[in-house]
PDB file of N, CA and C in Angstrom:
ATOM      1  N   MET A   1     -10.341 -16.577  44.578  1.00  0.00           N
ATOM      2  CA  MET A   1      -9.284 -16.364  43.580  1.00  0.00           C
ATOM      3  C   MET A   1      -9.635 -17.095  42.286  1.00  0.00           C
ATOM      4  N   ASN A   2      -9.554 -16.359  41.189  1.00  0.00           N
ATOM      5  CA  ASN A   2      -9.880 -16.943  39.894  1.00  0.00           C
ATOM      6  C   ASN A   2      -8.632 -17.592  39.298  1.00  0.00           C
ATOM      7  N   LEU A   3      -8.626 -18.915  39.265  1.00  0.00           N
ATOM      8  CA  LEU A   3      -7.447 -19.651  38.796  1.00  0.00           C
ATOM      9  C   LEU A   3      -7.222 -19.430  37.301  1.00  0.00           C
ATOM     10  N   GLN A   4      -8.305 -19.448  36.531  1.00  0.00           N
ATOM     11  CA  GLN A   4      -8.201 -19.263  35.082  1.00  0.00           C
ATOM     12  C   GLN A   4      -7.554 -17.922  34.767  1.00  0.00           C
ATOM     13  N   PHE A   5      -7.984 -16.885  35.503  1.00  0.00           N
ATOM     14  CA  PHE A   5      -7.464 -15.536  35.261  1.00  0.00           C
ATOM     15  C   PHE A   5      -5.970 -15.466  35.558  1.00  0.00           C
ATOM     16  N   SER A   6      -5.544 -16.034  36.679  1.00  0.00           N
ATOM     17  CA  SER A   6      -4.126 -15.983  37.040  1.00  0.00           C
ATOM     18  C   SER A   6      -3.286 -16.784  36.046  1.00  0.00           C
ATOM     19  N   ARG A   7      -3.837 -17.874  35.556  1.00  0.00           N
ATOM     20  CA  ARG A   7      -3.118 -18.654  34.537  1.00  0.00           C
ATOM     21  C   ARG A   7      -2.930 -17.829  33.277  1.00  0.00           C
ATOM     22  N   GLN A   8      -3.970 -17.097  32.880  1.00  0.00           N
ATOM     23  CA  GLN A   8      -3.890 -16.264  31.681  1.00  0.00           C
ATOM     24  C   GLN A   8      -2.826 -15.194  31.859  1.00  0.00           C
ATOM     25  N   LEU A   9      -2.812 -14.557  33.029  1.00  0.00           N
ATOM     26  CA  LEU A   9      -1.800 -13.538  33.318  1.00  0.00           C
ATOM     27  C   LEU A   9      -0.404 -14.138  33.235  1.00  0.00           C
ATOM     28  N   TYR A  10      -0.244 -15.323  33.812  1.00  0.00           N
ATOM     29  CA  TYR A  10       1.058 -15.993  33.813  1.00  0.00           C
ATOM     30  C   TYR A  10       1.514 -16.286  32.386  1.00  0.00           C
ATOM     31  N   LYS A  11       0.579 -16.748  31.559  1.00  0.00           N
ATOM     32  CA  LYS A  11       0.899 -17.036  30.154  1.00  0.00           C
ATOM     33  C   LYS A  11       1.348 -15.771  29.441  1.00  0.00           C
ATOM     34  N   GLU A  12       0.591 -14.690  29.625  1.00  0.00           N
ATOM     35  CA  GLU A  12       0.915 -13.442  28.933  1.00  0.00           C
ATOM     36  C   GLU A  12       2.260 -12.896  29.392  1.00  0.00           C
ATOM     37  N   ALA A  13       2.518 -12.970  30.690  1.00  0.00           N
ATOM     38  CA  ALA A  13       3.802 -12.496  31.221  1.00  0.00           C
ATOM     39  C   ALA A  13       4.947 -13.313  30.626  1.00  0.00           C
ATOM     40  N   ASN A  14       4.795 -14.622  30.588  1.00  0.00           N
ATOM     41  CA  ASN A  14       5.823 -15.494  30.004  1.00  0.00           C
ATOM     42  C   ASN A  14       6.053 -15.160  28.542  1.00  0.00           C
ATOM     43  N   HIS A  15       4.965 -14.910  27.823  1.00  0.00           N
ATOM     44  CA  HIS A  15       5.051 -14.573  26.398  1.00  0.00           C
ATOM     45  C   HIS A  15       5.873 -13.302  26.209  1.00  0.00           C
ATOM     46  N   LEU A  16       5.584 -12.281  27.014  1.00  0.00           N
ATOM     47  CA  LEU A  16       6.318 -11.017  26.916  1.00  0.00           C
ATOM     48  C   LEU A  16       7.790 -11.220  27.247  1.00  0.00           C
ATOM     49  N   ILE A  17       8.061 -12.009  28.286  1.00  0.00           N
ATOM     50  CA  ILE A  17       9.451 -12.266  28.686  1.00  0.00           C
ATOM     51  C   ILE A  17      10.190 -12.980  27.551  1.00  0.00           C
ATOM     52  N   ASN A  18       9.532 -13.949  26.922  1.00  0.00           N
ATOM     53  CA  ASN A  18      10.167 -14.683  25.820  1.00  0.00           C
ATOM     54  C   ASN A  18      10.467 -13.767  24.652  1.00  0.00           C
ATOM     55  N   ILE A  19       9.540 -12.871  24.335  1.00  0.00           N
ATOM     56  CA  ILE A  19       9.764 -11.919  23.238  1.00  0.00           C
ATOM     57  C   ILE A  19      10.986 -11.059  23.550  1.00  0.00           C
ATOM     58  N   GLU A  20      11.072 -10.576  24.785  1.00  0.00           N
ATOM     59  CA  GLU A  20      12.198  -9.718  25.160  1.00  0.00           C
ATOM     60  C   GLU A  20      13.515 -10.477  25.097  1.00  0.00           C
ATOM     61  N   LYS A  21      13.495 -11.740  25.487  1.00  0.00           N
ATOM     62  CA  LYS A  21      14.720 -12.554  25.422  1.00  0.00           C
ATOM     63  C   LYS A  21      15.136 -12.774  23.967  1.00  0.00           C
ATOM     64  N   ASN A  22      14.160 -13.051  23.114  1.00  0.00           N
ATOM     65  CA  ASN A  22      14.474 -13.426  21.732  1.00  0.00           C
ATOM     66  C   ASN A  22      14.863 -12.232  20.877  1.00  0.00           C
ATOM     67  N   LYS A  23      14.076 -11.145  20.952  1.00  0.00           N
ATOM     68  CA  LYS A  23      14.323  -9.995  20.081  1.00  0.00           C
ATOM     69  C   LYS A  23      14.198  -8.691  20.858  1.00  0.00           C
ATOM     70  N   PRO A  24      15.135  -8.383  21.725  1.00  0.00           N
ATOM     71  CA  PRO A  24      15.012  -7.161  22.531  1.00  0.00           C
ATOM     72  C   PRO A  24      14.972  -5.897  21.686  1.00  0.00           C
ATOM     73  N   SER A  25      15.830  -5.814  20.672  1.00  0.00           N
ATOM     74  CA  SER A  25      15.905  -4.586  19.869  1.00  0.00           C
ATOM     75  C   SER A  25      14.607  -4.381  19.084  1.00  0.00           C
ATOM     76  N   ASP A  26      14.046  -5.469  18.555  1.00  0.00           N
ATOM     77  CA  ASP A  26      12.793  -5.373  17.800  1.00  0.00           C
ATOM     78  C   ASP A  26      11.666  -4.862  18.689  1.00  0.00           C
ATOM     79  N   VAL A  27      11.570  -5.426  19.888  1.00  0.00           N
ATOM     80  CA  VAL A  27      10.505  -5.038  20.817  1.00  0.00           C
ATOM     81  C   VAL A  27      10.647  -3.573  21.193  1.00  0.00           C
ATOM     82  N   ILE A  28      11.870  -3.145  21.487  1.00  0.00           N
ATOM     83  CA  ILE A  28      12.111  -1.758  21.890  1.00  0.00           C
ATOM     84  C   ILE A  28      11.758  -0.808  20.746  1.00  0.00           C
ATOM     85  N   SER A  29      12.225  -1.095  19.543  1.00  0.00           N
ATOM     86  CA  SER A  29      11.956  -0.204  18.408  1.00  0.00           C
ATOM     87  C   SER A  29      10.463  -0.180  18.095  1.00  0.00           C
ATOM     88  N   LEU A  30       9.808  -1.330  18.220  1.00  0.00           N
ATOM     89  CA  LEU A  30       8.376  -1.402  17.973  1.00  0.00           C
ATOM     90  C   LEU A  30       7.624  -0.552  18.994  1.00  0.00           C
ATOM     91  N   GLY A  31       8.018  -0.666  20.254  1.00  0.00           N
ATOM     92  CA  GLY A  31       7.389   0.125  21.309  1.00  0.00           C
ATOM     93  C   GLY A  31       7.607   1.606  21.092  1.00  0.00           C
ATOM     94  N   LEU A  32       8.832   1.978  20.685  1.00  0.00           N
ATOM     95  CA  LEU A  32       9.138   3.393  20.463  1.00  0.00           C
ATOM     96  C   LEU A  32       8.319   3.945  19.304  1.00  0.00           C
ATOM     97  N   SER A  33       8.211   3.193  18.218  1.00  0.00           N
ATOM     98  CA  SER A  33       7.454   3.681  17.060  1.00  0.00           C
ATOM     99  C   SER A  33       5.973   3.820  17.415  1.00  0.00           C
ATOM    100  N   LYS A  34       5.455   2.874  18.199  1.00  0.00           N
ATOM    101  CA  LYS A  34       4.059   2.961  18.643  1.00  0.00           C
ATOM    102  C   LYS A  34       3.853   4.208  19.493  1.00  0.00           C
ATOM    103  N   ASN A  35       4.784   4.437  20.438  1.00  0.00           N
ATOM    104  CA  ASN A  35       4.654   5.579  21.337  1.00  0.00           C
ATOM    105  C   ASN A  35       4.748   6.897  20.585  1.00  0.00           C
ATOM    106  N   SER A  36       5.680   7.003  19.659  1.00  0.00           N
ATOM    107  CA  SER A  36       5.866   8.261  18.935  1.00  0.00           C
ATOM    108  C   SER A  36       4.636   8.560  18.072  1.00  0.00           C
ATOM    109  N   LYS A  37       4.061   7.525  17.462  1.00  0.00           N
ATOM    110  CA  LYS A  37       2.831   7.720  16.680  1.00  0.00           C
ATOM    111  C   LYS A  37       1.700   8.178  17.593  1.00  0.00           C
ATOM    112  N   HIS A  38       1.640   7.558  18.772  1.00  0.00           N
ATOM    113  CA  HIS A  38       0.569   7.852  19.723  1.00  0.00           C
ATOM    114  C   HIS A  38       0.649   9.293  20.214  1.00  0.00           C
ATOM    115  N   PHE A  39       1.858   9.773  20.454  1.00  0.00           N
ATOM    116  CA  PHE A  39       2.018  11.100  21.048  1.00  0.00           C
ATOM    117  C   PHE A  39       1.950  12.221  20.010  1.00  0.00           C
ATOM    118  N   ARG A  40       2.168  11.914  18.747  1.00  0.00           N
ATOM    119  CA  ARG A  40       2.136  12.978  17.739  1.00  0.00           C
ATOM    120  C   ARG A  40       0.718  13.366  17.362  1.00  0.00           C
TER     121      ARG A  40
END
């Protein structure tokens, strides 16, 4: 088991969770705009 890798995953997951807690509407709108650009 790669400890460094799991730590990195844990950090990234925490970062995403914090973003969602702090600015849920911003994250959602950002994701939607990215997706709509991607699909067009």
